[in-house]
Amino acid sequence: MKTTIRKCKDCSLYTLQVNCPKCGKETVMALPPRFSPRDRFMKYRMNSEMEKNGENSDKTV
């Protein structure tokens, strides 16, 4: 199993655990996913990000 560093969004504590040992809330991955020029799902992620930001997602990537 691969272990990666995680961060609590509430108390900003870095840990390897799924739940924060300090406040007990769920942690998230601290590092962004790796970039690959062969990413098959990039256009779907970009559309999702554009929708979150309120931009027009009808454009093709």
N, C-alpha and C. Protein backbone atom coordinates (compact mmCIF):
# COMPACT_ATOMS: atom_id res chain seq x y z
N MET A 1 0.84 -1.18 0.00
CA MET A 1 0.00 0.00 0.00
C MET A 1 0.88 1.24 0.00
N LYS A 2 0.55 2.18 -0.83
CA LYS A 2 1.30 3.42 -0.95
C LYS A 2 0.80 4.41 0.11
N THR A 3 1.71 5.00 0.84
CA THR A 3 1.32 6.00 1.82
C THR A 3 1.70 7.38 1.30
N THR A 4 0.79 8.29 1.44
CA THR A 4 1.03 9.67 1.03
C THR A 4 0.63 10.59 2.18
N ILE A 5 1.21 11.75 2.18
CA ILE A 5 0.93 12.70 3.25
C ILE A 5 -0.45 13.31 3.02
N ARG A 6 -1.16 13.51 4.10
CA ARG A 6 -2.51 14.07 4.06
C ARG A 6 -2.55 15.30 4.96
N LYS A 7 -3.52 16.16 4.72
CA LYS A 7 -3.64 17.40 5.48
C LYS A 7 -5.08 17.62 5.91
N CYS A 8 -5.25 18.05 7.14
CA CYS A 8 -6.57 18.39 7.65
C CYS A 8 -6.91 19.81 7.20
N LYS A 9 -8.08 19.99 6.61
CA LYS A 9 -8.48 21.32 6.14
C LYS A 9 -8.82 22.26 7.29
N ASP A 10 -9.27 21.71 8.40
CA ASP A 10 -9.70 22.56 9.52
C ASP A 10 -8.53 23.06 10.36
N CYS A 11 -7.66 22.15 10.79
CA CYS A 11 -6.58 22.57 11.70
C CYS A 11 -5.20 22.61 11.02
N SER A 12 -5.13 22.30 9.72
CA SER A 12 -3.90 22.36 8.92
C SER A 12 -2.79 21.44 9.44
N LEU A 13 -3.16 20.34 10.07
CA LEU A 13 -2.20 19.37 10.57
C LEU A 13 -1.89 18.36 9.47
N TYR A 14 -0.61 18.06 9.26
CA TYR A 14 -0.19 17.05 8.30
C TYR A 14 -0.09 15.71 9.00
N THR A 15 -0.59 14.65 8.35
CA THR A 15 -0.59 13.33 8.94
C THR A 15 -0.63 12.27 7.83
N LEU A 16 -0.45 11.03 8.20
CA LEU A 16 -0.59 9.91 7.26
C LEU A 16 -1.93 9.21 7.44
N GLN A 17 -2.71 9.63 8.41
CA GLN A 17 -3.97 8.99 8.73
C GLN A 17 -5.13 9.57 7.94
N VAL A 18 -6.20 8.80 7.79
CA VAL A 18 -7.38 9.24 7.05
C VAL A 18 -8.15 10.29 7.85
N ASN A 19 -8.17 10.14 9.17
CA ASN A 19 -8.83 11.12 10.03
C ASN A 19 -7.77 11.85 10.84
N CYS A 20 -8.01 13.12 11.07
CA CYS A 20 -7.06 13.96 11.81
C CYS A 20 -6.99 13.52 13.26
N PRO A 21 -5.78 13.28 13.79
CA PRO A 21 -5.67 12.87 15.20
C PRO A 21 -5.97 14.02 16.17
N LYS A 22 -5.89 15.26 15.69
CA LYS A 22 -6.11 16.41 16.57
C LYS A 22 -7.60 16.76 16.70
N CYS A 23 -8.29 16.88 15.56
CA CYS A 23 -9.70 17.29 15.61
C CYS A 23 -10.67 16.19 15.20
N GLY A 24 -10.18 15.09 14.61
CA GLY A 24 -11.03 13.96 14.26
C GLY A 24 -11.74 14.06 12.93
N LYS A 25 -11.53 15.15 12.19
CA LYS A 25 -12.19 15.30 10.89
C LYS A 25 -11.40 14.61 9.79
N GLU A 26 -12.03 14.41 8.65
CA GLU A 26 -11.40 13.71 7.54
C GLU A 26 -10.30 14.57 6.90
N THR A 27 -9.21 13.93 6.50
CA THR A 27 -8.10 14.63 5.86
C THR A 27 -8.17 14.44 4.35
N VAL A 28 -7.44 15.28 3.62
CA VAL A 28 -7.38 15.21 2.16
C VAL A 28 -5.92 15.07 1.74
N MET A 29 -5.70 14.61 0.51
CA MET A 29 -4.35 14.49 -0.01
C MET A 29 -3.71 15.87 -0.07
N ALA A 30 -2.47 15.98 0.36
CA ALA A 30 -1.79 17.27 0.39
C ALA A 30 -1.18 17.61 -0.97
N LEU A 31 -0.92 16.60 -1.77
CA LEU A 31 -0.28 16.81 -3.06
C LEU A 31 -1.30 16.70 -4.19
N PRO A 32 -1.13 17.50 -5.25
CA PRO A 32 -2.03 17.36 -6.39
C PRO A 32 -1.72 16.08 -7.16
N PRO A 33 -2.66 15.60 -7.98
CA PRO A 33 -2.38 14.41 -8.78
C PRO A 33 -1.30 14.69 -9.82
N ARG A 34 -0.58 13.66 -10.24
CA ARG A 34 0.46 13.84 -11.25
C ARG A 34 -0.14 14.22 -12.59
N PHE A 35 0.59 15.03 -13.34
CA PHE A 35 0.15 15.43 -14.67
C PHE A 35 0.68 14.44 -15.69
N SER A 36 -0.15 14.08 -16.62
CA SER A 36 0.26 13.21 -17.70
C SER A 36 -0.28 13.78 -19.02
N PRO A 37 0.57 13.93 -20.04
CA PRO A 37 0.07 14.43 -21.32
C PRO A 37 -0.89 13.45 -21.99
N ARG A 38 -0.89 12.20 -21.54
CA ARG A 38 -1.80 11.19 -22.10
C ARG A 38 -3.07 11.03 -21.28
N ASP A 39 -3.41 12.01 -20.49
CA ASP A 39 -4.57 11.94 -19.61
C ASP A 39 -5.86 11.88 -20.44
N ARG A 40 -6.58 10.77 -20.32
CA ARG A 40 -7.79 10.58 -21.11
C ARG A 40 -8.97 11.34 -20.54
N PHE A 41 -8.92 11.71 -19.28
CA PHE A 41 -10.07 12.31 -18.63
C PHE A 41 -9.90 13.80 -18.35
N MET A 42 -8.89 14.43 -18.95
CA MET A 42 -8.61 15.83 -18.67
C MET A 42 -9.78 16.73 -19.05
N LYS A 43 -10.41 16.49 -20.18
CA LYS A 43 -11.49 17.39 -20.60
C LYS A 43 -12.67 17.32 -19.63
N TYR A 44 -12.92 16.15 -19.04
CA TYR A 44 -14.00 16.03 -18.07
C TYR A 44 -13.68 16.76 -16.77
N ARG A 45 -12.43 16.68 -16.33
CA ARG A 45 -12.02 17.39 -15.12
C ARG A 45 -12.05 18.90 -15.35
N MET A 46 -11.62 19.32 -16.52
CA MET A 46 -11.63 20.76 -16.83
C MET A 46 -13.07 21.28 -16.85
N ASN A 47 -13.99 20.52 -17.46
CA ASN A 47 -15.39 20.94 -17.48
C ASN A 47 -15.96 21.01 -16.07
N SER A 48 -15.60 20.05 -15.23
CA SER A 48 -16.07 20.04 -13.86
C SER A 48 -15.55 21.27 -13.10
N GLU A 49 -14.27 21.59 -13.28
CA GLU A 49 -13.69 22.76 -12.62
C GLU A 49 -14.35 24.05 -13.12
N MET A 50 -14.63 24.12 -14.41
CA MET A 50 -15.27 25.31 -14.97
C MET A 50 -16.68 25.48 -14.40
N GLU A 51 -17.40 24.38 -14.23
CA GLU A 51 -18.74 24.46 -13.65
C GLU A 51 -18.69 24.91 -12.20
N LYS A 52 -17.68 24.43 -11.46
CA LYS A 52 -17.54 24.85 -10.06
C LYS A 52 -17.28 26.35 -9.96
N ASN A 53 -16.49 26.88 -10.91
CA ASN A 53 -16.13 28.30 -10.89
C ASN A 53 -17.16 29.18 -11.54
N GLY A 54 -18.22 28.58 -12.12
CA GLY A 54 -19.29 29.37 -12.73
C GLY A 54 -18.94 29.82 -14.13
N GLU A 55 -17.95 29.25 -14.76
CA GLU A 55 -17.59 29.63 -16.12
C GLU A 55 -18.41 28.80 -17.10
N ASN A 56 -18.40 29.21 -18.36
CA ASN A 56 -19.13 28.50 -19.39
C ASN A 56 -18.39 27.21 -19.72
N SER A 57 -19.03 26.06 -19.52
CA SER A 57 -18.38 24.79 -19.75
C SER A 57 -18.73 24.20 -21.11
N ASP A 58 -19.41 24.98 -21.99
CA ASP A 58 -19.76 24.49 -23.31
C ASP A 58 -18.61 24.47 -24.27
N LYS A 59 -17.53 25.14 -23.92
CA LYS A 59 -16.36 25.16 -24.78
C LYS A 59 -15.70 23.79 -24.78
N THR A 60 -15.16 23.39 -25.91
CA THR A 60 -14.42 22.13 -25.98
C THR A 60 -12.98 22.37 -25.62
N VAL A 61 -12.40 21.45 -24.94
CA VAL A 61 -11.00 21.57 -24.50
C VAL A 61 -10.10 20.94 -25.50
